[in-house]
Amino acid sequence: MFRASMPQDSGMLFVYKTPQPLAFWMENTYLPLDLIFIGQDGRILNVAANAKPLSRQPILSAGQAIGVLEINGGQAATLGIAPGTGSSTRDWR
């Protein structure tokens, strides 16, 4: 990523063609992020809050995920995003 900051209302969305267990890391990422793993039905599987910058430790989805949304660290809690809540996009295919 090689970024030291990200605008508050911005994020990065990664979408996959088929549901699968996903693993991300924070190498080359200089700011804490919340990683929001999304299931095919649009529900949040899990949130990895305030992921540690520059860490090579894998951050895993809690099941078969179709997407990951990365936002600024702490923003998921502020927005009420938690496992089991829905996302605005229902069809991730």
PDB file of N, CA and C in Angstrom:
ATOM      1  N   MET A   1       0.829  -1.184   0.000  1.00  0.00           N
ATOM      2  CA  MET A   1       0.000   0.000   0.000  1.00  0.00           C
ATOM      3  C   MET A   1       0.875   1.249   0.000  1.00  0.00           C
ATOM      4  N   PHE A   2       1.905   1.267   0.834  1.00  0.00           N
ATOM      5  CA  PHE A   2       2.860   2.373   0.877  1.00  0.00           C
ATOM      6  C   PHE A   2       2.197   3.723   1.127  1.00  0.00           C
ATOM      7  N   ARG A   3       1.189   3.751   1.994  1.00  0.00           N
ATOM      8  CA  ARG A   3       0.519   5.006   2.343  1.00  0.00           C
ATOM      9  C   ARG A   3       0.658   5.260   3.833  1.00  0.00           C
ATOM     10  N   ALA A   4       0.776   6.540   4.179  1.00  0.00           N
ATOM     11  CA  ALA A   4       0.834   6.927   5.589  1.00  0.00           C
ATOM     12  C   ALA A   4      -0.503   7.463   6.073  1.00  0.00           C
ATOM     13  N   SER A   5      -1.413   7.743   5.144  1.00  0.00           N
ATOM     14  CA  SER A   5      -2.733   8.246   5.523  1.00  0.00           C
ATOM     15  C   SER A   5      -3.747   7.888   4.441  1.00  0.00           C
ATOM     16  N   MET A   6      -5.023   7.981   4.832  1.00  0.00           N
ATOM     17  CA  MET A   6      -6.115   7.730   3.895  1.00  0.00           C
ATOM     18  C   MET A   6      -7.261   8.651   4.306  1.00  0.00           C
ATOM     19  N   PRO A   7      -7.932   9.311   3.363  1.00  0.00           N
ATOM     20  CA  PRO A   7      -9.063  10.161   3.730  1.00  0.00           C
ATOM     21  C   PRO A   7     -10.091   9.386   4.560  1.00  0.00           C
ATOM     22  N   GLN A   8     -10.715  10.060   5.523  1.00  0.00           N
ATOM     23  CA  GLN A   8     -11.611   9.410   6.478  1.00  0.00           C
ATOM     24  C   GLN A   8     -12.743   8.633   5.816  1.00  0.00           C
ATOM     25  N   ASP A   9     -13.332   9.136   4.773  1.00  0.00           N
ATOM     26  CA  ASP A   9     -14.471   8.468   4.131  1.00  0.00           C
ATOM     27  C   ASP A   9     -14.051   7.640   2.924  1.00  0.00           C
ATOM     28  N   SER A  10     -12.841   7.135   2.947  1.00  0.00           N
ATOM     29  CA  SER A  10     -12.324   6.328   1.838  1.00  0.00           C
ATOM     30  C   SER A  10     -12.025   4.917   2.315  1.00  0.00           C
ATOM     31  N   GLY A  11     -11.800   4.049   1.360  1.00  0.00           N
ATOM     32  CA  GLY A  11     -11.424   2.681   1.681  1.00  0.00           C
ATOM     33  C   GLY A  11     -10.998   1.963   0.421  1.00  0.00           C
ATOM     34  N   MET A  12     -10.616   0.715   0.608  1.00  0.00           N
ATOM     35  CA  MET A  12     -10.230  -0.131  -0.515  1.00  0.00           C
ATOM     36  C   MET A  12     -11.068  -1.394  -0.450  1.00  0.00           C
ATOM     37  N   LEU A  13     -11.695  -1.741  -1.556  1.00  0.00           N
ATOM     38  CA  LEU A  13     -12.558  -2.913  -1.619  1.00  0.00           C
ATOM     39  C   LEU A  13     -11.925  -3.944  -2.540  1.00  0.00           C
ATOM     40  N   PHE A  14     -11.791  -5.159  -2.029  1.00  0.00           N
ATOM     41  CA  PHE A  14     -11.257  -6.281  -2.795  1.00  0.00           C
ATOM     42  C   PHE A  14     -12.376  -7.299  -2.948  1.00  0.00           C
ATOM     43  N   VAL A  15     -12.747  -7.615  -4.178  1.00  0.00           N
ATOM     44  CA  VAL A  15     -13.845  -8.550  -4.445  1.00  0.00           C
ATOM     45  C   VAL A  15     -13.286  -9.759  -5.193  1.00  0.00           C
ATOM     46  N   TYR A  16     -13.713 -10.944  -4.775  1.00  0.00           N
ATOM     47  CA  TYR A  16     -13.265 -12.201  -5.374  1.00  0.00           C
ATOM     48  C   TYR A  16     -14.421 -12.872  -6.107  1.00  0.00           C
ATOM     49  N   LYS A  17     -14.111 -13.634  -7.141  1.00  0.00           N
ATOM     50  CA  LYS A  17     -15.148 -14.276  -7.959  1.00  0.00           C
ATOM     51  C   LYS A  17     -15.857 -15.400  -7.227  1.00  0.00           C
ATOM     52  N   THR A  18     -15.145 -16.100  -6.369  1.00  0.00           N
ATOM     53  CA  THR A  18     -15.752 -17.216  -5.640  1.00  0.00           C
ATOM     54  C   THR A  18     -15.473 -17.062  -4.148  1.00  0.00           C
ATOM     55  N   PRO A  19     -16.421 -17.480  -3.312  1.00  0.00           N
ATOM     56  CA  PRO A  19     -16.190 -17.430  -1.869  1.00  0.00           C
ATOM     57  C   PRO A  19     -15.016 -18.338  -1.494  1.00  0.00           C
ATOM     58  N   GLN A  20     -14.185 -17.864  -0.583  1.00  0.00           N
ATOM     59  CA  GLN A  20     -13.011 -18.621  -0.176  1.00  0.00           C
ATOM     60  C   GLN A  20     -12.478 -18.074   1.142  1.00  0.00           C
ATOM     61  N   PRO A  21     -11.712 -18.876   1.880  1.00  0.00           N
ATOM     62  CA  PRO A  21     -11.035 -18.338   3.054  1.00  0.00           C
ATOM     63  C   PRO A  21     -10.006 -17.303   2.577  1.00  0.00           C
ATOM     64  N   LEU A  22      -9.979 -16.151   3.204  1.00  0.00           N
ATOM     65  CA  LEU A  22      -9.066 -15.093   2.783  1.00  0.00           C
ATOM     66  C   LEU A  22      -8.063 -14.783   3.885  1.00  0.00           C
ATOM     67  N   ALA A  23      -6.874 -14.373   3.479  1.00  0.00           N
ATOM     68  CA  ALA A  23      -5.827 -13.955   4.406  1.00  0.00           C
ATOM     69  C   ALA A  23      -5.170 -12.695   3.851  1.00  0.00           C
ATOM     70  N   PHE A  24      -5.066 -11.683   4.684  1.00  0.00           N
ATOM     71  CA  PHE A  24      -4.407 -10.429   4.328  1.00  0.00           C
ATOM     72  C   PHE A  24      -3.306 -10.175   5.348  1.00  0.00           C
ATOM     73  N   TRP A  25      -2.398  -9.261   5.027  1.00  0.00           N
ATOM     74  CA  TRP A  25      -1.411  -8.806   5.989  1.00  0.00           C
ATOM     75  C   TRP A  25      -1.218  -7.313   5.809  1.00  0.00           C
ATOM     76  N   MET A  26      -0.401  -6.728   6.673  1.00  0.00           N
ATOM     77  CA  MET A  26      -0.230  -5.276   6.691  1.00  0.00           C
ATOM     78  C   MET A  26       1.163  -4.844   6.238  1.00  0.00           C
ATOM     79  N   GLU A  27       1.904  -5.735   5.606  1.00  0.00           N
ATOM     80  CA  GLU A  27       3.230  -5.367   5.130  1.00  0.00           C
ATOM     81  C   GLU A  27       3.114  -4.167   4.192  1.00  0.00           C
ATOM     82  N   ASN A  28       4.031  -3.216   4.340  1.00  0.00           N
ATOM     83  CA  ASN A  28       4.065  -1.994   3.525  1.00  0.00           C
ATOM     84  C   ASN A  28       2.846  -1.100   3.730  1.00  0.00           C
ATOM     85  N   THR A  29       2.132  -1.282   4.828  1.00  0.00           N
ATOM     86  CA  THR A  29       0.985  -0.438   5.164  1.00  0.00           C
ATOM     87  C   THR A  29       1.347   0.310   6.441  1.00  0.00           C
ATOM     88  N   TYR A  30       1.389   1.641   6.371  1.00  0.00           N
ATOM     89  CA  TYR A  30       1.922   2.462   7.451  1.00  0.00           C
ATOM     90  C   TYR A  30       0.858   3.048   8.372  1.00  0.00           C
ATOM     91  N   LEU A  31      -0.390   2.658   8.192  1.00  0.00           N
ATOM     92  CA  LEU A  31      -1.459   3.164   9.047  1.00  0.00           C
ATOM     93  C   LEU A  31      -2.325   2.000   9.499  1.00  0.00           C
ATOM     94  N   PRO A  32      -2.909   2.082  10.705  1.00  0.00           N
ATOM     95  CA  PRO A  32      -3.798   1.007  11.146  1.00  0.00           C
ATOM     96  C   PRO A  32      -5.069   0.986  10.305  1.00  0.00           C
ATOM     97  N   LEU A  33      -5.523  -0.205   9.982  1.00  0.00           N
ATOM     98  CA  LEU A  33      -6.740  -0.372   9.187  1.00  0.00           C
ATOM     99  C   LEU A  33      -7.701  -1.319   9.888  1.00  0.00           C
ATOM    100  N   ASP A  34      -8.994  -1.162   9.609  1.00  0.00           N
ATOM    101  CA  ASP A  34     -10.000  -2.161   9.937  1.00  0.00           C
ATOM    102  C   ASP A  34     -10.224  -2.978   8.674  1.00  0.00           C
ATOM    103  N   LEU A  35     -10.090  -4.286   8.773  1.00  0.00           N
ATOM    104  CA  LEU A  35     -10.364  -5.179   7.645  1.00  0.00           C
ATOM    105  C   LEU A  35     -11.712  -5.829   7.893  1.00  0.00           C
ATOM    106  N   ILE A  36     -12.641  -5.611   6.981  1.00  0.00           N
ATOM    107  CA  ILE A  36     -14.011  -6.095   7.113  1.00  0.00           C
ATOM    108  C   ILE A  36     -14.213  -7.196   6.078  1.00  0.00           C
ATOM    109  N   PHE A  37     -14.358  -8.422   6.559  1.00  0.00           N
ATOM    110  CA  PHE A  37     -14.527  -9.572   5.673  1.00  0.00           C
ATOM    111  C   PHE A  37     -16.017  -9.783   5.425  1.00  0.00           C
ATOM    112  N   ILE A  38     -16.395  -9.904   4.154  1.00  0.00           N
ATOM    113  CA  ILE A  38     -17.797  -9.935   3.734  1.00  0.00           C
ATOM    114  C   ILE A  38     -18.120 -11.275   3.084  1.00  0.00           C
ATOM    115  N   GLY A  39     -19.215 -11.890   3.532  1.00  0.00           N
ATOM    116  CA  GLY A  39     -19.679 -13.145   2.956  1.00  0.00           C
ATOM    117  C   GLY A  39     -20.477 -12.902   1.689  1.00  0.00           C
ATOM    118  N   GLN A  40     -20.750 -13.961   0.947  1.00  0.00           N
ATOM    119  CA  GLN A  40     -21.452 -13.842  -0.330  1.00  0.00           C
ATOM    120  C   GLN A  40     -22.848 -13.250  -0.174  1.00  0.00           C
ATOM    121  N   ASP A  41     -23.472 -13.445   0.984  1.00  0.00           N
ATOM    122  CA  ASP A  41     -24.809 -12.898   1.212  1.00  0.00           C
ATOM    123  C   ASP A  41     -24.782 -11.424   1.610  1.00  0.00           C
ATOM    124  N   GLY A  42     -23.586 -10.826   1.669  1.00  0.00           N
ATOM    125  CA  GLY A  42     -23.464  -9.421   2.020  1.00  0.00           C
ATOM    126  C   GLY A  42     -23.318  -9.167   3.505  1.00  0.00           C
ATOM    127  N   ARG A  43     -23.387 -10.205   4.307  1.00  0.00           N
ATOM    128  CA  ARG A  43     -23.234 -10.041   5.758  1.00  0.00           C
ATOM    129  C   ARG A  43     -21.750 -10.022   6.141  1.00  0.00           C
ATOM    130  N   ILE A  44     -21.465  -9.279   7.193  1.00  0.00           N
ATOM    131  CA  ILE A  44     -20.102  -9.184   7.685  1.00  0.00           C
ATOM    132  C   ILE A  44     -19.746 -10.468   8.433  1.00  0.00           C
ATOM    133  N   LEU A  45     -18.670 -11.119   8.012  1.00  0.00           N
ATOM    134  CA  LEU A  45     -18.195 -12.331   8.682  1.00  0.00           C
ATOM    135  C   LEU A  45     -17.405 -11.990   9.937  1.00  0.00           C
ATOM    136  N   ASN A  46     -16.455 -11.089   9.789  1.00  0.00           N
ATOM    137  CA  ASN A  46     -15.650 -10.647  10.923  1.00  0.00           C
ATOM    138  C   ASN A  46     -14.969  -9.332  10.590  1.00  0.00           C
ATOM    139  N   VAL A  47     -14.556  -8.647  11.645  1.00  0.00           N
ATOM    140  CA  VAL A  47     -13.840  -7.382  11.519  1.00  0.00           C
ATOM    141  C   VAL A  47     -12.525  -7.520  12.274  1.00  0.00           C
ATOM    142  N   ALA A  48     -11.430  -7.290  11.589  1.00  0.00           N
ATOM    143  CA  ALA A  48     -10.121  -7.224  12.235  1.00  0.00           C
ATOM    144  C   ALA A  48      -9.845  -5.745  12.466  1.00  0.00           C
ATOM    145  N   ALA A  49     -10.072  -5.296  13.693  1.00  0.00           N
ATOM    146  CA  ALA A  49     -10.001  -3.868  14.011  1.00  0.00           C
ATOM    147  C   ALA A  49      -8.565  -3.430  14.292  1.00  0.00           C
ATOM    148  N   ASN A  50      -8.234  -2.254  13.786  1.00  0.00           N
ATOM    149  CA  ASN A  50      -6.939  -1.623  14.041  1.00  0.00           C
ATOM    150  C   ASN A  50      -5.764  -2.565  13.796  1.00  0.00           C
ATOM    151  N   ALA A  51      -5.757  -3.167  12.630  1.00  0.00           N
ATOM    152  CA  ALA A  51      -4.655  -4.063  12.274  1.00  0.00           C
ATOM    153  C   ALA A  51      -3.330  -3.308  12.373  1.00  0.00           C
ATOM    154  N   LYS A  52      -2.346  -3.968  12.932  1.00  0.00           N
ATOM    155  CA  LYS A  52      -1.054  -3.355  13.223  1.00  0.00           C
ATOM    156  C   LYS A  52      -0.275  -3.045  11.943  1.00  0.00           C
ATOM    157  N   PRO A  53       0.115  -1.777  11.768  1.00  0.00           N
ATOM    158  CA  PRO A  53       0.898  -1.410  10.588  1.00  0.00           C
ATOM    159  C   PRO A  53       2.185  -2.229  10.469  1.00  0.00           C
ATOM    160  N   LEU A  54       2.537  -2.562   9.246  1.00  0.00           N
ATOM    161  CA  LEU A  54       3.774  -3.240   8.865  1.00  0.00           C
ATOM    162  C   LEU A  54       3.859  -4.699   9.315  1.00  0.00           C
ATOM    163  N   SER A  55       2.803  -5.233   9.911  1.00  0.00           N
ATOM    164  CA  SER A  55       2.823  -6.612  10.390  1.00  0.00           C
ATOM    165  C   SER A  55       2.709  -7.605   9.233  1.00  0.00           C
ATOM    166  N   ARG A  56       3.451  -8.691   9.351  1.00  0.00           N
ATOM    167  CA  ARG A  56       3.354  -9.773   8.372  1.00  0.00           C
ATOM    168  C   ARG A  56       2.483 -10.908   8.896  1.00  0.00           C
ATOM    169  N   GLN A  57       1.865 -10.706  10.056  1.00  0.00           N
ATOM    170  CA  GLN A  57       0.971 -11.707  10.649  1.00  0.00           C
ATOM    171  C   GLN A  57      -0.294 -11.816   9.797  1.00  0.00           C
ATOM    172  N   PRO A  58      -0.676 -13.018   9.373  1.00  0.00           N
ATOM    173  CA  PRO A  58      -1.893 -13.155   8.565  1.00  0.00           C
ATOM    174  C   PRO A  58      -3.145 -12.736   9.340  1.00  0.00           C
ATOM    175  N   ILE A  59      -4.035 -12.069   8.650  1.00  0.00           N
ATOM    176  CA  ILE A  59      -5.343 -11.678   9.180  1.00  0.00           C
ATOM    177  C   ILE A  59      -6.357 -12.479   8.378  1.00  0.00           C
ATOM    178  N   LEU A  60      -7.092 -13.353   9.051  1.00  0.00           N
ATOM    179  CA  LEU A  60      -7.920 -14.350   8.373  1.00  0.00           C
ATOM    180  C   LEU A  60      -9.405 -14.026   8.416  1.00  0.00           C
ATOM    181  N   SER A  61     -10.103 -14.425   7.359  1.00  0.00           N
ATOM    182  CA  SER A  61     -11.564 -14.349   7.358  1.00  0.00           C
ATOM    183  C   SER A  61     -12.109 -15.460   8.246  1.00  0.00           C
ATOM    184  N   ALA A  62     -13.276 -15.213   8.820  1.00  0.00           N
ATOM    185  CA  ALA A  62     -13.941 -16.217   9.664  1.00  0.00           C
ATOM    186  C   ALA A  62     -14.905 -17.018   8.804  1.00  0.00           C
ATOM    187  N   GLY A  63     -14.383 -17.656   7.779  1.00  0.00           N
ATOM    188  CA  GLY A  63     -15.216 -18.439   6.877  1.00  0.00           C
ATOM    189  C   GLY A  63     -14.989 -18.049   5.432  1.00  0.00           C
ATOM    190  N   GLN A  64     -15.902 -18.482   4.583  1.00  0.00           N
ATOM    191  CA  GLN A  64     -15.818 -18.234   3.141  1.00  0.00           C
ATOM    192  C   GLN A  64     -16.215 -16.780   2.858  1.00  0.00           C
ATOM    193  N   ALA A  65     -15.275 -15.994   2.369  1.00  0.00           N
ATOM    194  CA  ALA A  65     -15.522 -14.573   2.099  1.00  0.00           C
ATOM    195  C   ALA A  65     -15.504 -14.313   0.601  1.00  0.00           C
ATOM    196  N   ILE A  66     -16.234 -13.304   0.202  1.00  0.00           N
ATOM    197  CA  ILE A  66     -16.272 -12.884  -1.198  1.00  0.00           C
ATOM    198  C   ILE A  66     -15.611 -11.509  -1.374  1.00  0.00           C
ATOM    199  N   GLY A  67     -15.379 -10.827  -0.237  1.00  0.00           N
ATOM    200  CA  GLY A  67     -14.762  -9.519  -0.323  1.00  0.00           C
ATOM    201  C   GLY A  67     -14.191  -9.059   0.998  1.00  0.00           C
ATOM    202  N   VAL A  68     -13.321  -8.053   0.896  1.00  0.00           N
ATOM    203  CA  VAL A  68     -12.730  -7.407   2.060  1.00  0.00           C
ATOM    204  C   VAL A  68     -12.763  -5.907   1.813  1.00  0.00           C
ATOM    205  N   LEU A  69     -13.230  -5.177   2.805  1.00  0.00           N
ATOM    206  CA  LEU A  69     -13.191  -3.719   2.768  1.00  0.00           C
ATOM    207  C   LEU A  69     -12.178  -3.263   3.803  1.00  0.00           C
ATOM    208  N   GLU A  70     -11.203  -2.465   3.378  1.00  0.00           N
ATOM    209  CA  GLU A  70     -10.220  -1.893   4.285  1.00  0.00           C
ATOM    210  C   GLU A  70     -10.542  -0.417   4.469  1.00  0.00           C
ATOM    211  N   ILE A  71     -10.714  -0.021   5.739  1.00  0.00           N
ATOM    212  CA  ILE A  71     -10.986   1.375   6.080  1.00  0.00           C
ATOM    213  C   ILE A  71     -10.053   1.780   7.218  1.00  0.00           C
ATOM    214  N   ASN A  72     -10.014   3.057   7.528  1.00  0.00           N
ATOM    215  CA  ASN A  72      -9.153   3.539   8.599  1.00  0.00           C
ATOM    216  C   ASN A  72      -9.449   2.825   9.907  1.00  0.00           C
ATOM    217  N   GLY A  73      -8.399   2.550  10.677  1.00  0.00           N
ATOM    218  CA  GLY A  73      -8.541   1.858  11.943  1.00  0.00           C
ATOM    219  C   GLY A  73      -9.496   2.564  12.887  1.00  0.00           C
ATOM    220  N   GLY A  74     -10.395   1.816  13.487  1.00  0.00           N
ATOM    221  CA  GLY A  74     -11.382   2.346  14.419  1.00  0.00           C
ATOM    222  C   GLY A  74     -12.673   2.797  13.777  1.00  0.00           C
ATOM    223  N   GLN A  75     -12.683   2.945  12.472  1.00  0.00           N
ATOM    224  CA  GLN A  75     -13.867   3.452  11.780  1.00  0.00           C
ATOM    225  C   GLN A  75     -15.011   2.443  11.776  1.00  0.00           C
ATOM    226  N   ALA A  76     -14.724   1.152  11.748  1.00  0.00           N
ATOM    227  CA  ALA A  76     -15.794   0.144  11.746  1.00  0.00           C
ATOM    228  C   ALA A  76     -16.642   0.271  13.006  1.00  0.00           C
ATOM    229  N   ALA A  77     -16.004   0.403  14.163  1.00  0.00           N
ATOM    230  CA  ALA A  77     -16.749   0.553  15.420  1.00  0.00           C
ATOM    231  C   ALA A  77     -17.561   1.842  15.413  1.00  0.00           C
ATOM    232  N   THR A  78     -16.980   2.912  14.929  1.00  0.00           N
ATOM    233  CA  THR A  78     -17.684   4.196  14.858  1.00  0.00           C
ATOM    234  C   THR A  78     -18.930   4.091  13.992  1.00  0.00           C
ATOM    235  N   LEU A  79     -18.850   3.329  12.920  1.00  0.00           N
ATOM    236  CA  LEU A  79     -19.971   3.178  11.986  1.00  0.00           C
ATOM    237  C   LEU A  79     -20.929   2.051  12.371  1.00  0.00           C
ATOM    238  N   GLY A  80     -20.627   1.323  13.434  1.00  0.00           N
ATOM    239  CA  GLY A  80     -21.493   0.224  13.865  1.00  0.00           C
ATOM    240  C   GLY A  80     -21.374  -1.020  13.009  1.00  0.00           C
ATOM    241  N   ILE A  81     -20.248  -1.179  12.340  1.00  0.00           N
ATOM    242  CA  ILE A  81     -20.021  -2.361  11.506  1.00  0.00           C
ATOM    243  C   ILE A  81     -19.493  -3.480  12.395  1.00  0.00           C
ATOM    244  N   ALA A  82     -20.206  -4.600  12.402  1.00  0.00           N
ATOM    245  CA  ALA A  82     -19.845  -5.725  13.263  1.00  0.00           C
ATOM    246  C   ALA A  82     -20.265  -7.024  12.589  1.00  0.00           C
ATOM    247  N   PRO A  83     -19.712  -8.151  13.037  1.00  0.00           N
ATOM    248  CA  PRO A  83     -20.122  -9.438  12.468  1.00  0.00           C
ATOM    249  C   PRO A  83     -21.636  -9.619  12.526  1.00  0.00           C
ATOM    250  N   GLY A  84     -22.192 -10.101  11.419  1.00  0.00           N
ATOM    251  CA  GLY A  84     -23.630 -10.334  11.328  1.00  0.00           C
ATOM    252  C   GLY A  84     -24.413  -9.181  10.744  1.00  0.00           C
ATOM    253  N   THR A  85     -23.827  -7.982  10.732  1.00  0.00           N
ATOM    254  CA  THR A  85     -24.528  -6.861  10.115  1.00  0.00           C
ATOM    255  C   THR A  85     -24.427  -6.990   8.606  1.00  0.00           C
ATOM    256  N   GLY A  86     -25.298  -6.313   7.885  1.00  0.00           N
ATOM    257  CA  GLY A  86     -25.323  -6.406   6.432  1.00  0.00           C
ATOM    258  C   GLY A  86     -24.572  -5.272   5.780  1.00  0.00           C
ATOM    259  N   SER A  87     -24.140  -5.510   4.567  1.00  0.00           N
ATOM    260  CA  SER A  87     -23.530  -4.457   3.766  1.00  0.00           C
ATOM    261  C   SER A  87     -24.565  -3.964   2.765  1.00  0.00           C
ATOM    262  N   SER A  88     -24.289  -2.840   2.144  1.00  0.00           N
ATOM    263  CA  SER A  88     -25.266  -2.263   1.221  1.00  0.00           C
ATOM    264  C   SER A  88     -25.331  -3.008  -0.107  1.00  0.00           C
ATOM    265  N   THR A  89     -24.302  -3.772  -0.433  1.00  0.00           N
ATOM    266  CA  THR A  89     -24.296  -4.544  -1.672  1.00  0.00           C
ATOM    267  C   THR A  89     -24.625  -5.985  -1.345  1.00  0.00           C
ATOM    268  N   ARG A  90     -25.687  -6.504  -1.913  1.00  0.00           N
ATOM    269  CA  ARG A  90     -26.133  -7.860  -1.605  1.00  0.00           C
ATOM    270  C   ARG A  90     -25.611  -8.900  -2.593  1.00  0.00           C
ATOM    271  N   ASP A  91     -25.431  -8.541  -3.825  1.00  0.00           N
ATOM    272  CA  ASP A  91     -24.992  -9.512  -4.823  1.00  0.00           C
ATOM    273  C   ASP A  91     -23.512  -9.289  -5.114  1.00  0.00           C
ATOM    274  N   TRP A  92     -22.675 -10.134  -4.556  1.00  0.00           N
ATOM    275  CA  TRP A  92     -21.231  -9.998  -4.698  1.00  0.00           C
ATOM    276  C   TRP A  92     -20.680 -10.841  -5.833  1.00  0.00           C
ATOM    277  N   ARG A  93     -21.548 -11.410  -6.647  1.00  0.00           N
ATOM    278  CA  ARG A  93     -21.055 -12.241  -7.753  1.00  0.00           C
ATOM    279  C   ARG A  93     -20.747 -11.401  -8.891  1.00  0.00           C
TER     280      ARG A  93
END
